[in-house]
Amino acid sequence: DSGARLKLEPREIRQVDDVALVSNNATLTGVGPEPVLST
């Protein structure tokens, strides 16, 4: 509803059998005046 947009850039993936740990650099826009940057 806020019009948010998300951009993900993969950092790391660690997979063990049927479980994976994933990390991305994320940029979320449209939820406030400034983009939200996170890992």
PDB file of all heavy atoms in Angstrom:
ATOM      1  N   ASP A   1       0.814  -1.214   0.000  1.00  0.00           N
ATOM      2  CA  ASP A   1       0.000   0.000   0.000  1.00  0.00           C
ATOM      3  C   ASP A   1       0.850   1.268   0.000  1.00  0.00           C
ATOM      4  O   ASP A   1       0.431   2.292  -0.535  1.00  0.00           O
ATOM      5  CB  ASP A   1      -0.952   0.018   1.198  1.00  0.00           C
ATOM      6  CG  ASP A   1      -2.075  -1.008   1.071  1.00  0.00           C
ATOM      7  OD1 ASP A   1      -2.252  -1.588  -0.035  1.00  0.00           O
ATOM      8  OD2 ASP A   1      -2.762  -1.242   2.088  1.00  0.00           O
ATOM      9  N   SER A   2       2.050   1.202   0.586  1.00  0.00           N
ATOM     10  CA  SER A   2       2.924   2.376   0.631  1.00  0.00           C
ATOM     11  C   SER A   2       3.651   2.605  -0.687  1.00  0.00           C
ATOM     12  O   SER A   2       4.264   3.647  -0.892  1.00  0.00           O
ATOM     13  CB  SER A   2       3.955   2.226   1.757  1.00  0.00           C
ATOM     14  OG  SER A   2       4.969   1.295   1.381  1.00  0.00           O
ATOM     15  N   GLY A   3       3.607   1.619  -1.575  1.00  0.00           N
ATOM     16  CA  GLY A   3       4.339   1.734  -2.838  1.00  0.00           C
ATOM     17  C   GLY A   3       5.804   1.357  -2.716  1.00  0.00           C
ATOM     18  O   GLY A   3       6.628   1.742  -3.547  1.00  0.00           O
ATOM     19  N   ALA A   4       6.132   0.595  -1.695  1.00  0.00           N
ATOM     20  CA  ALA A   4       7.525   0.204  -1.444  1.00  0.00           C
ATOM     21  C   ALA A   4       8.106  -0.571  -2.619  1.00  0.00           C
ATOM     22  O   ALA A   4       7.404  -1.316  -3.303  1.00  0.00           O
ATOM     23  CB  ALA A   4       7.609  -0.648  -0.173  1.00  0.00           C
ATOM     24  N   ARG A   5       9.414  -0.396  -2.809  1.00  0.00           N
ATOM     25  CA  ARG A   5      10.178  -1.149  -3.801  1.00  0.00           C
ATOM     26  C   ARG A   5      11.427  -1.661  -3.119  1.00  0.00           C
ATOM     27  O   ARG A   5      12.025  -0.974  -2.295  1.00  0.00           O
ATOM     28  CB  ARG A   5      10.560  -0.282  -5.002  1.00  0.00           C
ATOM     29  CG  ARG A   5       9.373   0.147  -5.829  1.00  0.00           C
ATOM     30  CD  ARG A   5       8.759  -1.058  -6.538  1.00  0.00           C
ATOM     31  NE  ARG A   5       7.584  -0.742  -7.309  1.00  0.00           N
ATOM     32  CZ  ARG A   5       6.349  -0.998  -6.929  1.00  0.00           C
ATOM     33  NH1 ARG A   5       6.106  -1.551  -5.769  1.00  0.00           N
ATOM     34  NH2 ARG A   5       5.326  -0.705  -7.693  1.00  0.00           N
ATOM     35  N   LEU A   6      11.832  -2.877  -3.483  1.00  0.00           N
ATOM     36  CA  LEU A   6      12.968  -3.532  -2.846  1.00  0.00           C
ATOM     37  C   LEU A   6      13.983  -3.949  -3.901  1.00  0.00           C
ATOM     38  O   LEU A   6      13.621  -4.529  -4.921  1.00  0.00           O
ATOM     39  CB  LEU A   6      12.489  -4.769  -2.081  1.00  0.00           C
ATOM     40  CG  LEU A   6      13.543  -5.598  -1.365  1.00  0.00           C
ATOM     41  CD1 LEU A   6      14.204  -4.790  -0.255  1.00  0.00           C
ATOM     42  CD2 LEU A   6      12.918  -6.876  -0.815  1.00  0.00           C
ATOM     43  N   LYS A   7      15.243  -3.660  -3.610  1.00  0.00           N
ATOM     44  CA  LYS A   7      16.339  -4.138  -4.454  1.00  0.00           C
ATOM     45  C   LYS A   7      17.256  -4.975  -3.564  1.00  0.00           C
ATOM     46  O   LYS A   7      17.683  -4.514  -2.501  1.00  0.00           O
ATOM     47  CB  LYS A   7      17.118  -2.972  -5.053  1.00  0.00           C
ATOM     48  CG  LYS A   7      18.281  -3.426  -5.915  1.00  0.00           C
ATOM     49  CD  LYS A   7      19.039  -2.252  -6.485  1.00  0.00           C
ATOM     50  CE  LYS A   7      20.214  -2.762  -7.293  1.00  0.00           C
ATOM     51  NZ  LYS A   7      21.075  -1.660  -7.711  1.00  0.00           N
ATOM     52  N   LEU A   8      17.500  -6.214  -3.980  1.00  0.00           N
ATOM     53  CA  LEU A   8      18.375  -7.121  -3.235  1.00  0.00           C
ATOM     54  C   LEU A   8      19.603  -7.446  -4.074  1.00  0.00           C
ATOM     55  O   LEU A   8      19.477  -7.779  -5.250  1.00  0.00           O
ATOM     56  CB  LEU A   8      17.645  -8.424  -2.891  1.00  0.00           C
ATOM     57  CG  LEU A   8      16.454  -8.310  -1.967  1.00  0.00           C
ATOM     58  CD1 LEU A   8      15.734  -9.646  -1.874  1.00  0.00           C
ATOM     59  CD2 LEU A   8      16.889  -7.838  -0.591  1.00  0.00           C
ATOM     60  N   GLU A   9      20.765  -7.353  -3.444  1.00  0.00           N
ATOM     61  CA  GLU A   9      22.020  -7.751  -4.075  1.00  0.00           C
ATOM     62  C   GLU A   9      22.611  -8.872  -3.214  1.00  0.00           C
ATOM     63  O   GLU A   9      22.981  -8.644  -2.054  1.00  0.00           O
ATOM     64  CB  GLU A   9      22.983  -6.575  -4.149  1.00  0.00           C
ATOM     65  CG  GLU A   9      22.472  -5.437  -5.010  1.00  0.00           C
ATOM     66  CD  GLU A   9      23.385  -4.226  -4.984  1.00  0.00           C
ATOM     67  OE1 GLU A   9      24.468  -4.278  -4.360  1.00  0.00           O
ATOM     68  OE2 GLU A   9      22.996  -3.210  -5.587  1.00  0.00           O
ATOM     69  N   PRO A  10      22.676 -10.091  -3.747  1.00  0.00           N
ATOM     70  CA  PRO A  10      23.173 -11.225  -2.954  1.00  0.00           C
ATOM     71  C   PRO A  10      24.590 -11.001  -2.430  1.00  0.00           C
ATOM     72  O   PRO A  10      25.444 -10.495  -3.152  1.00  0.00           O
ATOM     73  CB  PRO A  10      23.145 -12.392  -3.944  1.00  0.00           C
ATOM     74  CG  PRO A  10      22.168 -11.981  -4.996  1.00  0.00           C
ATOM     75  CD  PRO A  10      22.279 -10.496  -5.098  1.00  0.00           C
ATOM     76  N   ARG A  11      24.795 -11.367  -1.157  1.00  0.00           N
ATOM     77  CA  ARG A  11      26.115 -11.311  -0.527  1.00  0.00           C
ATOM     78  C   ARG A  11      26.677 -12.713  -0.349  1.00  0.00           C
ATOM     79  O   ARG A  11      27.730 -13.025  -0.838  1.00  0.00           O
ATOM     80  CB  ARG A  11      26.020 -10.635   0.849  1.00  0.00           C
ATOM     81  CG  ARG A  11      25.751  -9.173   0.811  1.00  0.00           C
ATOM     82  CD  ARG A  11      25.801  -8.577   2.224  1.00  0.00           C
ATOM     83  NE  ARG A  11      27.110  -8.763   2.823  1.00  0.00           N
ATOM     84  CZ  ARG A  11      27.341  -9.411   3.976  1.00  0.00           C
ATOM     85  NH1 ARG A  11      26.356  -9.940   4.659  1.00  0.00           N
ATOM     86  NH2 ARG A  11      28.556  -9.527   4.444  1.00  0.00           N
ATOM     87  N   GLU A  12      25.958 -13.535   0.423  1.00  0.00           N
ATOM     88  CA  GLU A  12      26.441 -14.870   0.773  1.00  0.00           C
ATOM     89  C   GLU A  12      25.276 -15.833   0.877  1.00  0.00           C
ATOM     90  O   GLU A  12      24.177 -15.448   1.277  1.00  0.00           O
ATOM     91  CB  GLU A  12      27.167 -14.858   2.119  1.00  0.00           C
ATOM     92  CG  GLU A  12      28.412 -14.008   2.180  1.00  0.00           C
ATOM     93  CD  GLU A  12      29.588 -14.623   1.440  1.00  0.00           C
ATOM     94  OE1 GLU A  12      29.617 -15.861   1.276  1.00  0.00           O
ATOM     95  OE2 GLU A  12      30.468 -13.863   1.025  1.00  0.00           O
ATOM     96  N   ILE A  13      25.541 -17.087   0.534  1.00  0.00           N
ATOM     97  CA  ILE A  13      24.578 -18.169   0.749  1.00  0.00           C
ATOM     98  C   ILE A  13      25.351 -19.346   1.322  1.00  0.00           C
ATOM     99  O   ILE A  13      26.380 -19.744   0.770  1.00  0.00           O
ATOM    100  CB  ILE A  13      23.886 -18.604  -0.562  1.00  0.00           C
ATOM    101  CG1 ILE A  13      23.078 -17.445  -1.142  1.00  0.00           C
ATOM    102  CG2 ILE A  13      22.987 -19.817  -0.315  1.00  0.00           C
ATOM    103  CD1 ILE A  13      22.490 -17.737  -2.500  1.00  0.00           C
ATOM    104  N   ARG A  14      24.883 -19.883   2.434  1.00  0.00           N
ATOM    105  CA  ARG A  14      25.455 -21.079   3.040  1.00  0.00           C
ATOM    106  C   ARG A  14      24.340 -22.106   3.141  1.00  0.00           C
ATOM    107  O   ARG A  14      23.340 -21.862   3.815  1.00  0.00           O
ATOM    108  CB  ARG A  14      25.998 -20.800   4.434  1.00  0.00           C
ATOM    109  CG  ARG A  14      27.081 -19.758   4.489  1.00  0.00           C
ATOM    110  CD  ARG A  14      28.414 -20.344   4.022  1.00  0.00           C
ATOM    111  NE  ARG A  14      29.489 -19.401   4.251  1.00  0.00           N
ATOM    112  CZ  ARG A  14      29.950 -18.562   3.332  1.00  0.00           C
ATOM    113  NH1 ARG A  14      29.429 -18.553   2.135  1.00  0.00           N
ATOM    114  NH2 ARG A  14      30.928 -17.744   3.613  1.00  0.00           N
ATOM    115  N   GLN A  15      24.499 -23.212   2.448  1.00  0.00           N
ATOM    116  CA  GLN A  15      23.469 -24.242   2.442  1.00  0.00           C
ATOM    117  C   GLN A  15      23.992 -25.512   3.092  1.00  0.00           C
ATOM    118  O   GLN A  15      25.087 -25.968   2.789  1.00  0.00           O
ATOM    119  CB  GLN A  15      23.044 -24.553   0.999  1.00  0.00           C
ATOM    120  CG  GLN A  15      21.952 -25.597   0.925  1.00  0.00           C
ATOM    121  CD  GLN A  15      21.567 -25.929  -0.502  1.00  0.00           C
ATOM    122  OE1 GLN A  15      21.862 -25.173  -1.424  1.00  0.00           O
ATOM    123  NE2 GLN A  15      20.928 -27.065  -0.661  1.00  0.00           N
ATOM    124  N   VAL A  16      23.187 -26.064   3.992  1.00  0.00           N
ATOM    125  CA  VAL A  16      23.452 -27.360   4.607  1.00  0.00           C
ATOM    126  C   VAL A  16      22.171 -28.170   4.461  1.00  0.00           C
ATOM    127  O   VAL A  16      21.152 -27.839   5.069  1.00  0.00           O
ATOM    128  CB  VAL A  16      23.839 -27.224   6.097  1.00  0.00           C
ATOM    129  CG1 VAL A  16      24.049 -28.601   6.710  1.00  0.00           C
ATOM    130  CG2 VAL A  16      25.071 -26.356   6.266  1.00  0.00           C
ATOM    131  N   ASP A  17      22.232 -29.164   3.607  1.00  0.00           N
ATOM    132  CA  ASP A  17      21.068 -30.001   3.333  1.00  0.00           C
ATOM    133  C   ASP A  17      19.877 -29.134   2.929  1.00  0.00           C
ATOM    134  O   ASP A  17      19.947 -28.425   1.943  1.00  0.00           O
ATOM    135  CB  ASP A  17      20.747 -30.922   4.518  1.00  0.00           C
ATOM    136  CG  ASP A  17      21.901 -31.879   4.829  1.00  0.00           C
ATOM    137  OD1 ASP A  17      22.555 -32.350   3.869  1.00  0.00           O
ATOM    138  OD2 ASP A  17      22.147 -32.131   6.012  1.00  0.00           O
ATOM    139  N   ASP A  18      18.794 -29.154   3.722  1.00  0.00           N
ATOM    140  CA  ASP A  18      17.573 -28.444   3.366  1.00  0.00           C
ATOM    141  C   ASP A  18      17.417 -27.104   4.086  1.00  0.00           C
ATOM    142  O   ASP A  18      16.310 -26.560   4.161  1.00  0.00           O
ATOM    143  CB  ASP A  18      16.356 -29.317   3.647  1.00  0.00           C
ATOM    144  CG  ASP A  18      16.280 -30.491   2.695  1.00  0.00           C
ATOM    145  OD1 ASP A  18      16.845 -30.401   1.582  1.00  0.00           O
ATOM    146  OD2 ASP A  18      15.649 -31.500   3.043  1.00  0.00           O
ATOM    147  N   VAL A  19      18.526 -26.559   4.600  1.00  0.00           N
ATOM    148  CA  VAL A  19      18.497 -25.264   5.279  1.00  0.00           C
ATOM    149  C   VAL A  19      19.564 -24.367   4.646  1.00  0.00           C
ATOM    150  O   VAL A  19      20.660 -24.829   4.326  1.00  0.00           O
ATOM    151  CB  VAL A  19      18.769 -25.424   6.789  1.00  0.00           C
ATOM    152  CG1 VAL A  19      18.836 -24.072   7.477  1.00  0.00           C
ATOM    153  CG2 VAL A  19      17.696 -26.286   7.438  1.00  0.00           C
ATOM    154  N   ALA A  20      19.214 -23.094   4.465  1.00  0.00           N
ATOM    155  CA  ALA A  20      20.169 -22.151   3.893  1.00  0.00           C
ATOM    156  C   ALA A  20      20.167 -20.861   4.702  1.00  0.00           C
ATOM    157  O   ALA A  20      19.115 -20.378   5.129  1.00  0.00           O
ATOM    158  CB  ALA A  20      19.826 -21.843   2.448  1.00  0.00           C
ATOM    159  N   LEU A  21      21.367 -20.327   4.919  1.00  0.00           N
ATOM    160  CA  LEU A  21      21.554 -19.010   5.508  1.00  0.00           C
ATOM    161  C   LEU A  21      21.899 -18.083   4.349  1.00  0.00           C
ATOM    162  O   LEU A  21      22.828 -18.356   3.584  1.00  0.00           O
ATOM    163  CB  LEU A  21      22.686 -19.028   6.535  1.00  0.00           C
ATOM    164  CG  LEU A  21      23.111 -17.687   7.113  1.00  0.00           C
ATOM    165  CD1 LEU A  21      21.982 -17.058   7.913  1.00  0.00           C
ATOM    166  CD2 LEU A  21      24.355 -17.866   7.971  1.00  0.00           C
ATOM    167  N   VAL A  22      21.129 -17.010   4.206  1.00  0.00           N
ATOM    168  CA  VAL A  22      21.273 -16.105   3.077  1.00  0.00           C
ATOM    169  C   VAL A  22      21.463 -14.689   3.602  1.00  0.00           C
ATOM    170  O   VAL A  22      20.838 -14.303   4.593  1.00  0.00           O
ATOM    171  CB  VAL A  22      20.014 -16.155   2.170  1.00  0.00           C
ATOM    172  CG1 VAL A  22      20.099 -15.162   1.043  1.00  0.00           C
ATOM    173  CG2 VAL A  22      19.793 -17.567   1.657  1.00  0.00           C
ATOM    174  N   SER A  23      22.321 -13.932   2.931  1.00  0.00           N
ATOM    175  CA  SER A  23      22.500 -12.531   3.280  1.00  0.00           C
ATOM    176  C   SER A  23      22.533 -11.707   1.994  1.00  0.00           C
ATOM    177  O   SER A  23      23.190 -12.075   1.024  1.00  0.00           O
ATOM    178  CB  SER A  23      23.802 -12.332   4.064  1.00  0.00           C
ATOM    179  OG  SER A  23      23.959 -10.974   4.409  1.00  0.00           O
ATOM    180  N   ASN A  24      21.794 -10.613   2.006  1.00  0.00           N
ATOM    181  CA  ASN A  24      21.719  -9.693   0.867  1.00  0.00           C
ATOM    182  C   ASN A  24      21.976  -8.269   1.342  1.00  0.00           C
ATOM    183  O   ASN A  24      21.693  -7.932   2.497  1.00  0.00           O
ATOM    184  CB  ASN A  24      20.306  -9.705   0.257  1.00  0.00           C
ATOM    185  CG  ASN A  24      19.940 -11.012  -0.367  1.00  0.00           C
ATOM    186  OD1 ASN A  24      20.423 -11.344  -1.423  1.00  0.00           O
ATOM    187  ND2 ASN A  24      19.068 -11.774   0.297  1.00  0.00           N
ATOM    188  N   ASN A  25      22.465  -7.428   0.437  1.00  0.00           N
ATOM    189  CA  ASN A  25      22.417  -5.991   0.650  1.00  0.00           C
ATOM    190  C   ASN A  25      21.068  -5.553   0.126  1.00  0.00           C
ATOM    191  O   ASN A  25      20.707  -5.862  -1.015  1.00  0.00           O
ATOM    192  CB  ASN A  25      23.542  -5.278  -0.095  1.00  0.00           C
ATOM    193  CG  ASN A  25      24.898  -5.573   0.510  1.00  0.00           C
ATOM    194  OD1 ASN A  25      25.041  -5.649   1.717  1.00  0.00           O
ATOM    195  ND2 ASN A  25      25.889  -5.756  -0.332  1.00  0.00           N
ATOM    196  N   ALA A  26      20.298  -4.872   0.964  1.00  0.00           N
ATOM    197  CA  ALA A  26      18.930  -4.501   0.606  1.00  0.00           C
ATOM    198  C   ALA A  26      18.768  -2.988   0.585  1.00  0.00           C
ATOM    199  O   ALA A  26      19.301  -2.285   1.444  1.00  0.00           O
ATOM    200  CB  ALA A  26      17.949  -5.107   1.604  1.00  0.00           C
ATOM    201  N   THR A  27      18.007  -2.522  -0.392  1.00  0.00           N
ATOM    202  CA  THR A  27      17.608  -1.123  -0.461  1.00  0.00           C
ATOM    203  C   THR A  27      16.098  -1.097  -0.607  1.00  0.00           C
ATOM    204  O   THR A  27      15.554  -1.594  -1.594  1.00  0.00           O
ATOM    205  CB  THR A  27      18.262  -0.408  -1.664  1.00  0.00           C
ATOM    206  OG1 THR A  27      19.675  -0.540  -1.581  1.00  0.00           O
ATOM    207  CG2 THR A  27      17.880   1.072  -1.677  1.00  0.00           C
ATOM    208  N   LEU A  28      15.421  -0.544   0.400  1.00  0.00           N
ATOM    209  CA  LEU A  28      13.963  -0.438   0.400  1.00  0.00           C
ATOM    210  C   LEU A  28      13.602   1.033   0.223  1.00  0.00           C
ATOM    211  O   LEU A  28      14.056   1.889   0.992  1.00  0.00           O
ATOM    212  CB  LEU A  28      13.392  -0.971   1.715  1.00  0.00           C
ATOM    213  CG  LEU A  28      11.880  -0.980   1.857  1.00  0.00           C
ATOM    214  CD1 LEU A  28      11.244  -1.950   0.865  1.00  0.00           C
ATOM    215  CD2 LEU A  28      11.485  -1.337   3.291  1.00  0.00           C
ATOM    216  N   THR A  29      12.807   1.324  -0.804  1.00  0.00           N
ATOM    217  CA  THR A  29      12.367   2.698  -1.042  1.00  0.00           C
ATOM    218  C   THR A  29      10.844   2.748  -0.993  1.00  0.00           C
ATOM    219  O   THR A  29      10.167   1.733  -1.107  1.00  0.00           O
ATOM    220  CB  THR A  29      12.860   3.195  -2.417  1.00  0.00           C
ATOM    221  OG1 THR A  29      12.399   2.305  -3.432  1.00  0.00           O
ATOM    222  CG2 THR A  29      14.379   3.282  -2.464  1.00  0.00           C
ATOM    223  N   GLY A  30      10.333   3.969  -0.810  1.00  0.00           N
ATOM    224  CA  GLY A  30       8.890   4.163  -0.830  1.00  0.00           C
ATOM    225  C   GLY A  30       8.219   4.065   0.515  1.00  0.00           C
ATOM    226  O   GLY A  30       7.008   4.228   0.600  1.00  0.00           O
ATOM    227  N   VAL A  31       8.981   3.794   1.571  1.00  0.00           N
ATOM    228  CA  VAL A  31       8.374   3.678   2.900  1.00  0.00           C
ATOM    229  C   VAL A  31       8.689   4.882   3.785  1.00  0.00           C
ATOM    230  O   VAL A  31       8.239   4.954   4.910  1.00  0.00           O
ATOM    231  CB  VAL A  31       8.806   2.374   3.614  1.00  0.00           C
ATOM    232  CG1 VAL A  31       8.269   1.166   2.888  1.00  0.00           C
ATOM    233  CG2 VAL A  31      10.308   2.297   3.762  1.00  0.00           C
ATOM    234  N   GLY A  32       9.465   5.807   3.279  1.00  0.00           N
ATOM    235  CA  GLY A  32       9.830   7.011   4.019  1.00  0.00           C
ATOM    236  C   GLY A  32      10.555   7.959   3.097  1.00  0.00           C
ATOM    237  O   GLY A  32      10.749   7.667   1.909  1.00  0.00           O
ATOM    238  N   PRO A  33      10.994   9.079   3.641  1.00  0.00           N
ATOM    239  CA  PRO A  33      11.656  10.070   2.785  1.00  0.00           C
ATOM    240  C   PRO A  33      13.029   9.607   2.267  1.00  0.00           C
ATOM    241  O   PRO A  33      13.459  10.031   1.209  1.00  0.00           O
ATOM    242  CB  PRO A  33      11.787  11.292   3.691  1.00  0.00           C
ATOM    243  CG  PRO A  33      11.685  10.767   5.078  1.00  0.00           C
ATOM    244  CD  PRO A  33      10.841   9.526   5.005  1.00  0.00           C
ATOM    245  N   GLU A  34      13.681   8.730   2.991  1.00  0.00           N
ATOM    246  CA  GLU A  34      14.999   8.237   2.604  1.00  0.00           C
ATOM    247  C   GLU A  34      14.948   6.725   2.383  1.00  0.00           C
ATOM    248  O   GLU A  34      14.189   6.028   3.061  1.00  0.00           O
ATOM    249  CB  GLU A  34      16.026   8.541   3.701  1.00  0.00           C
ATOM    250  CG  GLU A  34      16.218  10.020   3.972  1.00  0.00           C
ATOM    251  CD  GLU A  34      16.847  10.746   2.791  1.00  0.00           C
ATOM    252  OE1 GLU A  34      17.725  10.164   2.127  1.00  0.00           O
ATOM    253  OE2 GLU A  34      16.441  11.900   2.527  1.00  0.00           O
ATOM    254  N   PRO A  35      15.774   6.208   1.487  1.00  0.00           N
ATOM    255  CA  PRO A  35      15.855   4.747   1.335  1.00  0.00           C
ATOM    256  C   PRO A  35      16.328   4.092   2.630  1.00  0.00           C
ATOM    257  O   PRO A  35      17.113   4.674   3.381  1.00  0.00           O
ATOM    258  CB  PRO A  35      16.891   4.558   0.228  1.00  0.00           C
ATOM    259  CG  PRO A  35      16.987   5.870  -0.463  1.00  0.00           C
ATOM    260  CD  PRO A  35      16.643   6.915   0.553  1.00  0.00           C
ATOM    261  N   VAL A  36      15.840   2.879   2.882  1.00  0.00           N
ATOM    262  CA  VAL A  36      16.294   2.087   4.020  1.00  0.00           C
ATOM    263  C   VAL A  36      17.316   1.091   3.485  1.00  0.00           C
ATOM    264  O   VAL A  36      17.004   0.255   2.642  1.00  0.00           O
ATOM    265  CB  VAL A  36      15.120   1.348   4.694  1.00  0.00           C
ATOM    266  CG1 VAL A  36      15.619   0.463   5.833  1.00  0.00           C
ATOM    267  CG2 VAL A  36      14.072   2.337   5.182  1.00  0.00           C
ATOM    268  N   LEU A  37      18.561   1.214   3.958  1.00  0.00           N
ATOM    269  CA  LEU A  37      19.640   0.331   3.548  1.00  0.00           C
ATOM    270  C   LEU A  37      19.905  -0.656   4.668  1.00  0.00           C
ATOM    271  O   LEU A  37      19.980  -0.270   5.839  1.00  0.00           O
ATOM    272  CB  LEU A  37      20.909   1.128   3.255  1.00  0.00           C
ATOM    273  CG  LEU A  37      20.766   2.279   2.262  1.00  0.00           C
ATOM    274  CD1 LEU A  37      22.069   3.062   2.172  1.00  0.00           C
ATOM    275  CD2 LEU A  37      20.342   1.772   0.905  1.00  0.00           C
ATOM    276  N   SER A  38      20.061  -1.927   4.322  1.00  0.00           N
ATOM    277  CA  SER A  38      20.342  -2.924   5.352  1.00  0.00           C
ATOM    278  C   SER A  38      21.074  -4.110   4.749  1.00  0.00           C
ATOM    279  O   SER A  38      21.148  -4.260   3.532  1.00  0.00           O
ATOM    280  CB  SER A  38      19.053  -3.394   6.030  1.00  0.00           C
ATOM    281  OG  SER A  38      18.243  -4.126   5.129  1.00  0.00           O
ATOM    282  N   THR A  39      21.588  -4.945   5.626  1.00  0.00           N
ATOM    283  CA  THR A  39      22.179  -6.225   5.253  1.00  0.00           C
ATOM    284  C   THR A  39      21.314  -7.293   5.885  1.00  0.00           C
ATOM    285  O   THR A  39      21.191  -7.355   7.105  1.00  0.00           O
ATOM    286  CB  THR A  39      23.633  -6.339   5.758  1.00  0.00           C
ATOM    287  OG1 THR A  39      24.384  -5.254   5.205  1.00  0.00           O
ATOM    288  CG2 THR A  39      24.252  -7.653   5.350  1.00  0.00           C
TER     289      THR A  39
END
